[in-house]
C-alpha cells in the first residue's frame, strides 16, 4: 500500500495542477506515479524537466529509450516502471519476447542495443561505474561518445522514477509486466 495518497488534478497542490493535468491528458488518466509525484512540485517538475530535455535534445529513438527504461527498471527491481515501460515498449515496436530478453539482460536480438544496455545495467548496479571493456564494446557497436554520455540522462530519469516508486511504495495501476 502506498505511503502517500495519489493526488487528482483537483486535490494536487496548486503548483502541481497544470503539470498533472498535462500528464493526465497524455496518459488518459492520472497514473499513480504522477499523482504521487504531485505532492511535491519539485519532484514533478524534475521528472518533467528531464523528460523535456531528452525530448528536445536526445538522440535515441523511442525503442531505445524504452529498452533502457526496461533494463534499468529490472536492475532496480521496480515493478511499476517495468509495467509502465512494457506498455511503452509495445508502442515503440518492441515485442513481448524482446522486452523479456531486455529485462533478463539477454538482448542478443540486437547486438548494438545490447552493448548500450550492458552499460545501462552496469551504470545502475555499480553506482555509475562501468567496465572499460563495456564502454569500448558500445563504441565498437556503433554508439558515439555523445550517445554513450547521453545514456547517463536516461539512466538518471529512470533512477528517479524507480527510487521514487520504492520510496513511496506506489501502487501498481497499470497492467503488470510479464513474469520473468
Protein backbone atom coordinates (compact mmCIF):
# COMPACT_ATOMS: atom_id res chain seq x y z
CA UNK A 1 0.00 0.00 0.00
CA UNK A 2 1.30 3.44 -0.95
CA UNK A 3 2.72 5.64 1.79
CA UNK A 4 1.03 8.73 0.33
CA UNK A 5 -2.33 9.24 -1.33
CA UNK A 6 -2.49 9.70 -5.08
CA UNK A 7 -3.46 13.23 -5.96
CA UNK A 8 -6.05 14.05 -8.59
CA UNK A 9 -5.86 17.23 -10.65
CA UNK A 10 -8.32 18.74 -8.17
CA UNK A 11 -6.55 17.70 -4.95
CA UNK A 12 -2.95 18.36 -6.06
CA UNK A 13 -1.07 21.37 -4.72
CA UNK A 14 -1.68 24.37 -6.95
CA UNK A 15 1.90 24.39 -8.26
CA UNK A 16 1.47 20.80 -9.49
CA UNK A 17 -2.02 21.04 -11.02
CA UNK A 18 -1.21 22.26 -14.53
CA UNK A 19 1.56 19.70 -14.96
CA UNK A 20 -0.62 16.93 -13.58
CA UNK A 21 -3.40 17.95 -15.98
CA UNK A 22 -0.94 17.77 -18.89
CA UNK A 23 0.20 14.30 -17.82
CA UNK A 24 -3.42 13.22 -17.41
CA UNK A 25 -4.12 14.36 -20.98
CA UNK A 26 -1.06 12.49 -22.27
CA UNK A 27 -1.80 9.22 -20.47
CA UNK A 28 -5.59 9.37 -20.43
CA UNK A 29 -5.70 9.40 -16.63
CA UNK A 30 -3.65 10.42 -13.63
CA UNK A 31 -1.46 7.38 -13.13
CA UNK A 32 -0.32 6.65 -9.61
CA UNK A 33 3.31 7.69 -10.04
CA UNK A 34 2.28 11.13 -11.34
CA UNK A 35 -0.39 11.55 -8.67
CA UNK A 36 2.24 10.69 -6.07
CA UNK A 37 4.86 13.00 -7.51
CA UNK A 38 2.33 15.83 -7.48
CA UNK A 39 2.74 16.05 -3.70
CA UNK A 40 5.96 17.92 -4.37
CA UNK A 41 6.21 20.37 -7.27
CA UNK A 42 9.99 19.87 -7.03
CA UNK A 43 9.67 16.16 -7.76
CA UNK A 44 7.07 16.54 -10.50
CA UNK A 45 8.97 19.40 -12.17
CA UNK A 46 12.27 17.49 -12.01
CA UNK A 47 10.67 14.48 -13.69
CA UNK A 48 9.07 16.63 -16.40
CA UNK A 49 12.22 18.71 -16.95
CA UNK A 50 14.46 15.69 -17.52
CA UNK A 51 11.90 14.21 -19.92
CA UNK A 52 11.67 17.51 -21.79
CA UNK A 53 15.44 17.85 -22.18
CA UNK A 54 15.59 14.31 -23.52
CA UNK A 55 12.73 15.06 -25.93
CA UNK A 56 14.38 18.29 -27.09
CA UNK A 57 17.98 17.13 -27.43
CA UNK A 58 18.13 13.35 -27.13
CA UNK A 59 19.37 11.18 -29.95
CA UNK A 60 17.78 7.85 -29.01
CA UNK A 61 14.59 6.67 -30.69
CA UNK A 62 11.58 5.56 -28.67
CA UNK A 63 12.55 1.88 -28.93
CA UNK A 64 15.99 2.54 -27.43
CA UNK A 65 14.58 4.80 -24.69
CA UNK A 66 12.07 2.14 -23.66
CA UNK A 67 14.73 -0.58 -23.74
CA UNK A 68 16.92 1.50 -21.41
CA UNK A 69 13.95 2.03 -19.07
CA UNK A 70 13.20 -1.70 -19.01
CA UNK A 71 16.83 -2.60 -18.31
CA UNK A 72 17.14 -0.05 -15.50
CA UNK A 73 13.71 -0.92 -14.07
CA UNK A 74 14.66 -4.56 -13.90
CA UNK A 75 18.09 -3.86 -12.39
CA UNK A 76 16.38 -1.73 -9.72
CA UNK A 77 13.54 -4.22 -9.28
CA UNK A 78 10.91 -1.55 -9.93
CA UNK A 79 7.74 -3.42 -10.83
CA UNK A 80 5.87 -0.18 -11.53
CA UNK A 81 8.40 1.05 -14.09
CA UNK A 82 8.72 -2.36 -15.70
CA UNK A 83 4.94 -2.37 -16.15
CA UNK A 84 4.86 1.21 -17.46
CA UNK A 85 7.69 0.62 -19.90
CA UNK A 86 6.28 -2.67 -21.10
CA UNK A 87 3.34 -0.64 -22.39
CA UNK A 88 5.73 1.98 -23.75
CA UNK A 89 7.92 -0.67 -25.30
CA UNK A 90 4.98 -2.17 -27.17
CA UNK A 91 4.10 1.28 -28.50
CA UNK A 92 7.73 1.74 -29.57
CA UNK A 93 7.81 -1.51 -31.52
CA UNK A 94 9.41 -3.93 -29.07
CA UNK A 95 7.89 -7.41 -28.97
CA UNK A 96 7.00 -9.15 -25.71
CA UNK A 97 9.88 -11.59 -26.23
CA UNK A 98 12.32 -8.73 -26.81
CA UNK A 99 11.16 -6.91 -23.67
CA UNK A 100 11.51 -10.05 -21.58
CA UNK A 101 15.00 -10.59 -23.02
CA UNK A 102 15.96 -6.99 -22.19
CA UNK A 103 14.74 -7.39 -18.63
CA UNK A 104 16.72 -10.63 -18.31
CA UNK A 105 19.87 -8.95 -19.65
CA UNK A 106 19.81 -11.02 -22.83
CA UNK A 107 19.13 -8.58 -25.69
CA UNK A 108 21.05 -10.73 -28.16
CA UNK A 109 18.42 -9.99 -30.83
CA UNK A 110 20.17 -6.62 -31.39
CA UNK A 111 23.92 -6.54 -30.70
CA UNK A 112 24.17 -2.75 -30.87
CA UNK A 113 21.31 -2.23 -28.42
CA UNK A 114 22.67 -4.97 -26.17
CA UNK A 115 26.01 -3.15 -25.86
CA UNK A 116 24.24 0.04 -24.74
CA UNK A 117 22.01 -1.84 -22.31
CA UNK A 118 25.04 -3.53 -20.78
CA UNK A 119 26.34 -0.05 -19.94
CA UNK A 120 22.94 0.99 -18.59
CA UNK A 121 22.80 -2.03 -16.29
CA UNK A 122 26.36 -1.54 -15.06
CA UNK A 123 25.74 2.18 -14.52
CA UNK A 124 22.67 1.30 -12.46
CA UNK A 125 24.03 -1.55 -10.39
CA UNK A 126 27.56 -0.16 -9.88
CA UNK A 127 26.56 3.35 -8.77
CA UNK A 128 27.63 4.95 -12.04
CA UNK A 129 30.73 2.87 -12.68
CA UNK A 130 31.07 0.82 -15.85
CA UNK A 131 33.76 -1.50 -17.12
CA UNK A 132 36.18 -0.14 -19.71
CA UNK A 133 35.52 -3.20 -21.88
CA UNK A 134 31.78 -2.47 -21.85
CA UNK A 135 32.37 1.17 -22.80
CA UNK A 136 34.60 0.06 -25.66
CA UNK A 137 32.08 -2.57 -26.75
CA UNK A 138 29.43 0.15 -27.02
CA UNK A 139 31.77 2.27 -29.15
CA UNK A 140 32.63 -0.74 -31.29
CA UNK A 141 28.90 -1.48 -31.72
CA UNK A 142 28.41 1.96 -33.26
CA UNK A 143 27.36 4.22 -30.38
CA UNK A 144 29.06 7.62 -30.34
CA UNK A 145 30.68 9.33 -27.36
CA UNK A 146 27.72 11.74 -27.37
CA UNK A 147 25.20 8.90 -27.22
CA UNK A 148 27.09 6.99 -24.54
CA UNK A 149 27.26 10.10 -22.36
CA UNK A 150 23.58 10.83 -23.11
CA UNK A 151 22.83 7.44 -21.60
CA UNK A 152 23.53 8.99 -18.19
CA UNK A 153 20.47 11.28 -18.54
CA UNK A 154 18.24 8.34 -19.44
CA UNK A 155 19.50 6.24 -16.55
CA UNK A 156 19.10 9.22 -14.20
CA UNK A 157 15.47 9.73 -15.26
CA UNK A 158 14.75 6.06 -14.66
CA UNK A 159 16.57 6.03 -11.34
CA UNK A 160 14.43 9.00 -10.27
CA UNK A 161 11.21 7.16 -11.08
CA UNK A 162 12.39 3.76 -9.79
CA UNK A 163 13.60 5.17 -6.50
CA UNK A 164 10.51 7.34 -6.11
CA UNK A 165 8.29 4.28 -6.55
CA UNK A 166 10.29 2.31 -3.98
CA UNK A 167 10.33 5.28 -1.58
CA UNK A 168 6.57 5.93 -1.58
CA UNK A 169 5.54 2.36 -2.44
CA UNK A 170 3.50 3.36 -5.48
CA UNK A 171 0.57 1.00 -6.05
CA UNK A 172 0.50 -0.60 -9.49
CA UNK A 173 -2.37 0.80 -11.54
CA UNK A 174 -1.11 -0.45 -14.91
CA UNK A 175 -1.05 -3.95 -16.40
CA UNK A 176 1.83 -5.82 -14.78
CA UNK A 177 4.90 -6.69 -16.82
CA UNK A 178 5.13 -10.37 -17.77
CA UNK A 179 6.87 -12.51 -15.17
CA UNK A 180 10.47 -13.49 -15.84
